[in-house]
Amino acid sequence: MTSPPKGSPTYVSRALAASGLVPFEAKILLGHVLRRNLAWLAAHGDEPMTAREAKVFDALARRRRDGEPIAYLTGRREFYGLDLEVTPDVLIPRPETELLVELALVRIDADEHAEILDLGSGSGAIALAIASERPNSSVLGVDLSVAAVALARRNASRLNLGNVAFLESDWFSAVPKKRYDAIVANPPYVAAGDAHLGEGDLRFEPPTALASGADGLTAIRSIITGAAAYLAPRAWLLIEHGYDQADAVQAMLRDARFSDVQSRRDLAGIPRTALGRI
């Protein structure tokens, strides 16, 4: 962002235009700095900014131009209607992952108590969305990352969701020995050598939340192998997977004696979630 002449104020409209960002991203960042919504920005283009506000926005715009994700710059991301805190310790929740939540909700009776397990919770997005939509149920989210578990707990507290808990666990290692009515997982599923890991937002996200072995399927194998011992009879396992992994994940589910095995496509038409029941 080009600085105005010394002593002259920076106005909202000028700051946006000079940011070097696409307008929508510029507005998100400036709204974050000013603690104003997009409607306010649109109506107050001639509003002067303080020198500090201009400096903070300039720094954020520069970081965004260098590729840093908007969610990490603002510390916020919306997922399934929930405002979540996010940090570089966790994967940024994606819109396509809402499909996993929708498929799980269809299989969880809203009027009955159900026990749900979320593997690899990260920010807690999936567990929190399910807990919010199914208040009669109890949701347990687990993650190997101490920082991720702490973040998920903060999100649960801020959202005032008392029917969800989080703990540290390497997949099933610390999960209570009980049967769950559904298990959901959005594990890492990118191949370790995939060139996309060095592009875009992925450059800034935790590698352990993205990559999983030479073929990207190591975590999914572990989940499918261990899930049967934690599922109630006829309960569902739902797993998000990569765009080209549907056949492989379905084959693994069948080999583990899951029935009703299928994959569902996201809004872009990409096979995104595999599911089956034991």
Protein backbone atom coordinates (compact mmCIF):
# COMPACT_ATOMS: atom_id res chain seq x y z
CA MET A 1 0.00 0.00 0.00
CA THR A 2 1.44 3.36 -1.01
CA SER A 3 1.61 5.79 1.89
CA PRO A 4 -0.11 9.18 1.57
CA PRO A 5 1.91 12.39 1.92
CA LYS A 6 3.18 12.87 5.45
CA GLY A 7 0.59 14.47 7.68
CA SER A 8 -2.40 13.72 5.44
CA PRO A 9 -4.99 11.18 6.61
CA THR A 10 -5.59 7.82 4.97
CA TYR A 11 -9.22 7.29 4.01
CA VAL A 12 -11.00 3.95 3.87
CA SER A 13 -11.57 4.01 0.11
CA ARG A 14 -7.96 5.00 -0.60
CA ALA A 15 -6.58 2.30 1.69
CA LEU A 16 -8.64 -0.34 -0.09
CA ALA A 17 -7.64 0.84 -3.56
CA ALA A 18 -3.94 1.05 -2.69
CA SER A 19 -3.72 -2.31 -0.91
CA GLY A 20 -2.68 -4.31 -3.98
CA LEU A 21 -5.28 -6.97 -3.11
CA VAL A 22 -8.43 -8.13 -4.78
CA PRO A 23 -11.26 -5.97 -3.37
CA PHE A 24 -12.98 -8.70 -1.36
CA GLU A 25 -9.80 -9.69 0.47
CA ALA A 26 -8.87 -6.06 1.07
CA LYS A 27 -12.28 -5.41 2.62
CA ILE A 28 -12.02 -8.45 4.89
CA LEU A 29 -8.64 -7.33 6.20
CA LEU A 30 -9.61 -3.69 6.62
CA GLY A 31 -12.86 -4.69 8.31
CA HIS A 32 -10.80 -6.81 10.69
CA VAL A 33 -8.49 -3.88 11.49
CA LEU A 34 -11.32 -1.39 11.95
CA ARG A 35 -13.69 -3.90 13.57
CA ARG A 36 -16.34 -3.00 11.03
CA ASN A 37 -18.43 -5.10 8.65
CA LEU A 38 -18.43 -4.93 4.86
CA ALA A 39 -21.60 -2.84 4.76
CA TRP A 40 -19.97 -0.19 6.94
CA LEU A 41 -16.91 -0.07 4.69
CA ALA A 42 -19.09 0.40 1.62
CA ALA A 43 -20.91 3.33 3.24
CA HIS A 44 -17.89 5.02 4.79
CA GLY A 45 -15.29 5.26 2.05
CA ASP A 46 -14.52 8.84 3.07
CA GLU A 47 -13.90 7.92 6.71
CA PRO A 48 -10.36 8.80 7.86
CA MET A 49 -8.22 6.13 9.52
CA THR A 50 -5.79 6.66 12.34
CA ALA A 51 -2.09 6.35 11.60
CA ARG A 52 -1.98 3.14 13.63
CA GLU A 53 -4.92 1.61 11.73
CA ALA A 54 -3.27 2.45 8.41
CA LYS A 55 0.02 0.92 9.57
CA VAL A 56 -1.61 -2.31 10.75
CA PHE A 57 -3.61 -2.66 7.55
CA ASP A 58 -0.53 -1.99 5.45
CA ALA A 59 1.33 -4.78 7.27
CA LEU A 60 -1.53 -7.25 6.86
CA ALA A 61 -1.95 -6.39 3.17
CA ARG A 62 1.76 -6.97 2.62
CA ARG A 63 1.59 -10.38 4.31
CA ARG A 64 -1.40 -11.30 2.17
CA ARG A 65 0.40 -10.25 -0.99
CA ASP A 66 3.18 -12.61 0.10
CA GLY A 67 0.61 -15.41 0.16
CA GLU A 68 -0.29 -15.77 3.83
CA PRO A 69 -3.89 -17.04 4.20
CA ILE A 70 -6.60 -14.58 5.14
CA ALA A 71 -7.79 -16.86 7.94
CA TYR A 72 -4.41 -16.76 9.66
CA LEU A 73 -4.19 -12.98 9.27
CA THR A 74 -7.59 -12.38 10.87
CA GLY A 75 -7.52 -15.39 13.20
CA ARG A 76 -11.06 -16.26 12.14
CA ARG A 77 -12.87 -18.60 9.74
CA GLU A 78 -16.57 -19.36 9.33
CA PHE A 79 -17.54 -23.02 9.10
CA TYR A 80 -21.09 -24.36 8.99
CA GLY A 81 -22.37 -21.03 10.29
CA LEU A 82 -19.94 -20.98 13.23
CA ASP A 83 -17.32 -18.28 13.75
CA LEU A 84 -14.13 -20.16 14.61
CA GLU A 85 -10.76 -19.03 15.85
CA VAL A 86 -7.97 -20.45 13.71
CA THR A 87 -4.20 -20.30 14.03
CA PRO A 88 -1.26 -21.63 12.00
CA ASP A 89 -1.31 -24.64 14.35
CA VAL A 90 -4.31 -26.07 12.50
CA LEU A 91 -5.63 -26.63 9.01
CA ILE A 92 -7.95 -23.89 7.79
CA PRO A 93 -11.51 -25.32 7.63
CA ARG A 94 -12.68 -25.70 4.02
CA PRO A 95 -16.22 -25.26 2.66
CA GLU A 96 -16.06 -28.71 1.05
CA THR A 97 -15.65 -30.29 4.48
CA GLU A 98 -19.17 -29.16 5.31
CA LEU A 99 -20.27 -32.15 3.21
CA LEU A 100 -18.81 -34.45 5.87
CA VAL A 101 -20.88 -32.68 8.52
CA GLU A 102 -24.06 -32.88 6.44
CA LEU A 103 -23.63 -36.59 5.78
CA ALA A 104 -23.02 -37.24 9.47
CA LEU A 105 -26.04 -35.22 10.59
CA VAL A 106 -28.34 -37.25 8.34
CA ARG A 107 -27.17 -40.34 10.23
CA ILE A 108 -27.51 -38.92 13.74
CA ASP A 109 -31.02 -38.86 15.22
CA ALA A 110 -31.73 -35.34 16.43
CA ASP A 111 -34.14 -36.59 19.12
CA GLU A 112 -31.94 -39.31 20.61
CA HIS A 113 -28.68 -39.25 22.49
CA ALA A 114 -25.76 -40.35 20.35
CA GLU A 115 -22.02 -40.65 20.98
CA ILE A 116 -19.94 -39.18 18.15
CA LEU A 117 -16.18 -39.36 17.67
CA ASP A 118 -14.27 -36.87 15.52
CA LEU A 119 -10.73 -37.90 14.60
CA GLY A 120 -8.15 -35.22 13.78
CA SER A 121 -10.25 -32.31 15.04
CA GLY A 122 -7.82 -29.46 14.40
CA SER A 123 -9.74 -26.26 15.18
CA GLY A 124 -12.71 -28.39 16.23
CA ALA A 125 -14.75 -27.34 13.19
CA ILE A 126 -16.44 -30.69 12.47
CA ALA A 127 -17.03 -31.66 16.09
CA LEU A 128 -18.38 -28.22 16.95
CA ALA A 129 -20.71 -28.14 13.95
CA ILE A 130 -22.15 -31.54 14.86
CA ALA A 131 -22.47 -30.61 18.53
CA SER A 132 -24.25 -27.39 17.58
CA GLU A 133 -26.73 -29.16 15.31
CA ARG A 134 -27.28 -32.20 17.58
CA PRO A 135 -27.52 -30.81 21.14
CA ASN A 136 -28.84 -34.12 22.49
CA SER A 137 -25.64 -35.87 21.44
CA SER A 138 -22.17 -35.96 22.97
CA VAL A 139 -19.20 -35.33 20.69
CA LEU A 140 -15.57 -36.19 21.42
CA GLY A 141 -12.89 -34.65 19.23
CA VAL A 142 -9.29 -35.83 19.30
CA ASP A 143 -6.07 -34.53 17.81
CA LEU A 144 -2.39 -35.38 18.20
CA SER A 145 -1.48 -31.68 18.43
CA VAL A 146 -1.50 -30.14 21.90
CA ALA A 147 -1.98 -26.69 20.36
CA ALA A 148 -4.90 -27.87 18.23
CA VAL A 149 -6.69 -29.39 21.23
CA ALA A 150 -6.24 -26.16 23.19
CA LEU A 151 -7.63 -24.16 20.27
CA ALA A 152 -10.63 -26.48 19.84
CA ARG A 153 -11.41 -26.14 23.53
CA ARG A 154 -11.30 -22.35 23.25
CA ASN A 155 -13.71 -22.48 20.33
CA ALA A 156 -16.09 -24.74 22.25
CA SER A 157 -16.02 -22.41 25.26
CA ARG A 158 -16.55 -19.27 23.19
CA LEU A 159 -19.47 -20.90 21.34
CA ASN A 160 -20.90 -22.11 24.66
CA LEU A 161 -21.18 -25.71 23.46
CA GLY A 162 -21.24 -27.99 26.49
CA ASN A 163 -21.87 -31.26 24.67
CA VAL A 164 -18.43 -31.47 23.08
CA ALA A 165 -15.02 -32.30 24.54
CA PHE A 166 -11.50 -32.55 23.13
CA LEU A 167 -8.46 -34.59 24.08
CA GLU A 168 -4.98 -35.38 22.81
CA SER A 169 -4.78 -38.71 20.99
CA ASP A 170 -2.88 -40.30 18.13
CA TRP A 171 -6.04 -41.44 16.36
CA PHE A 172 -7.59 -44.09 18.68
CA SER A 173 -4.66 -44.42 21.12
CA ALA A 174 -6.23 -42.39 23.98
CA VAL A 175 -9.89 -42.69 22.95
CA PRO A 176 -12.10 -44.23 25.69
CA LYS A 177 -12.89 -47.89 25.05
CA LYS A 178 -16.55 -47.55 24.11
CA ARG A 179 -18.82 -47.82 21.08
CA TYR A 180 -19.70 -44.71 19.11
CA ASP A 181 -22.80 -44.14 17.00
CA ALA A 182 -20.73 -42.44 14.30
CA ILE A 183 -17.08 -41.70 13.66
CA VAL A 184 -16.09 -38.81 11.41
CA ALA A 185 -12.63 -37.89 10.20
CA ASN A 186 -10.94 -35.33 8.01
CA PRO A 187 -7.40 -36.72 8.19
CA PRO A 188 -4.33 -35.67 6.22
CA TYR A 189 -4.58 -37.27 2.77
CA VAL A 190 -2.07 -35.54 0.50
CA ALA A 191 0.91 -37.55 -0.73
CA ALA A 192 4.10 -36.41 0.99
CA GLY A 193 5.78 -35.49 -2.31
CA ASP A 194 2.81 -33.71 -3.86
CA ALA A 195 3.89 -30.45 -5.54
CA HIS A 196 0.73 -28.70 -4.32
CA LEU A 197 2.16 -28.66 -0.79
CA GLY A 198 4.48 -25.89 -1.94
CA GLU A 199 1.73 -23.75 -3.44
CA GLY A 200 -0.85 -21.24 -2.23
CA ASP A 201 -2.23 -21.45 1.30
CA LEU A 202 -0.79 -24.94 1.79
CA ARG A 203 2.68 -23.43 2.20
CA PHE A 204 1.56 -21.91 5.50
CA GLU A 205 -0.50 -24.76 6.94
CA PRO A 206 0.93 -27.45 9.26
CA PRO A 207 2.41 -30.26 7.10
CA THR A 208 1.24 -32.94 9.54
CA ALA A 209 -2.38 -31.86 8.92
CA LEU A 210 -1.95 -32.20 5.16
CA ALA A 211 0.41 -35.01 4.15
CA SER A 212 0.20 -38.68 5.08
CA GLY A 213 2.74 -41.04 3.59
CA ALA A 214 3.92 -41.64 0.05
CA ASP A 215 0.40 -42.19 -1.31
CA GLY A 216 -1.48 -39.91 1.09
CA LEU A 217 -3.43 -42.81 2.54
CA THR A 218 -1.47 -43.74 5.66
CA ALA A 219 -3.78 -41.96 8.10
CA ILE A 220 -6.90 -43.23 6.37
CA ARG A 221 -5.60 -46.80 6.61
CA SER A 222 -5.03 -46.39 10.35
CA ILE A 223 -8.52 -45.00 10.87
CA ILE A 224 -10.28 -47.71 8.88
CA THR A 225 -8.24 -50.45 10.56
CA GLY A 226 -9.07 -49.22 14.07
CA ALA A 227 -12.63 -47.97 13.63
CA ALA A 228 -14.51 -51.28 13.91
CA ALA A 229 -13.53 -51.71 17.57
CA TYR A 230 -15.12 -48.34 18.40
CA LEU A 231 -18.32 -48.43 16.35
CA ALA A 232 -21.70 -49.56 17.60
CA PRO A 233 -23.52 -52.13 15.43
CA ARG A 234 -24.64 -50.58 12.12
CA ALA A 235 -22.90 -47.30 13.00
CA TRP A 236 -21.24 -45.24 10.28
CA LEU A 237 -17.65 -44.28 9.58
CA LEU A 238 -17.33 -41.16 7.40
CA ILE A 239 -13.98 -40.01 6.02
CA GLU A 240 -13.02 -37.06 3.85
CA HIS A 241 -10.48 -38.02 1.17
CA GLY A 242 -8.62 -36.60 -1.81
CA TYR A 243 -10.12 -35.96 -5.23
CA ASP A 244 -8.58 -39.13 -6.71
CA GLN A 245 -8.80 -41.46 -3.69
CA ALA A 246 -12.46 -42.55 -3.72
CA ASP A 247 -11.85 -45.99 -5.23
CA ALA A 248 -8.90 -46.73 -2.95
CA VAL A 249 -10.75 -45.68 0.21
CA GLN A 250 -13.86 -47.64 -0.76
CA ALA A 251 -11.70 -50.72 -1.35
CA MET A 252 -10.14 -50.34 2.10
CA LEU A 253 -13.57 -50.05 3.70
CA ARG A 254 -14.78 -53.21 1.97
CA ASP A 255 -11.61 -55.08 2.92
CA ALA A 256 -12.30 -54.10 6.55
CA ARG A 257 -15.81 -55.62 6.19
CA PHE A 258 -17.76 -52.38 6.09
CA SER A 259 -21.10 -52.51 4.28
CA ASP A 260 -23.10 -49.89 2.35
CA VAL A 261 -19.78 -48.45 1.16
CA GLN A 262 -20.08 -45.35 -1.00
CA SER A 263 -18.52 -41.99 -1.83
CA ARG A 264 -20.32 -38.67 -2.08
CA ARG A 265 -19.41 -35.66 -4.21
CA ASP A 266 -18.99 -32.10 -3.01
CA LEU A 267 -20.60 -29.06 -4.64
CA ALA A 268 -17.82 -28.99 -7.24
CA GLY A 269 -18.72 -32.54 -8.28
CA ILE A 270 -15.54 -34.03 -6.80
CA PRO A 271 -15.73 -37.32 -4.85
CA ARG A 272 -14.95 -36.00 -1.38
CA THR A 273 -16.29 -38.27 1.39
CA ALA A 274 -16.33 -42.06 1.71
CA LEU A 275 -18.59 -43.82 4.16
CA GLY A 276 -19.63 -47.26 5.28
CA ARG A 277 -21.05 -49.00 8.31
CA ILE A 278 -19.88 -51.96 10.26
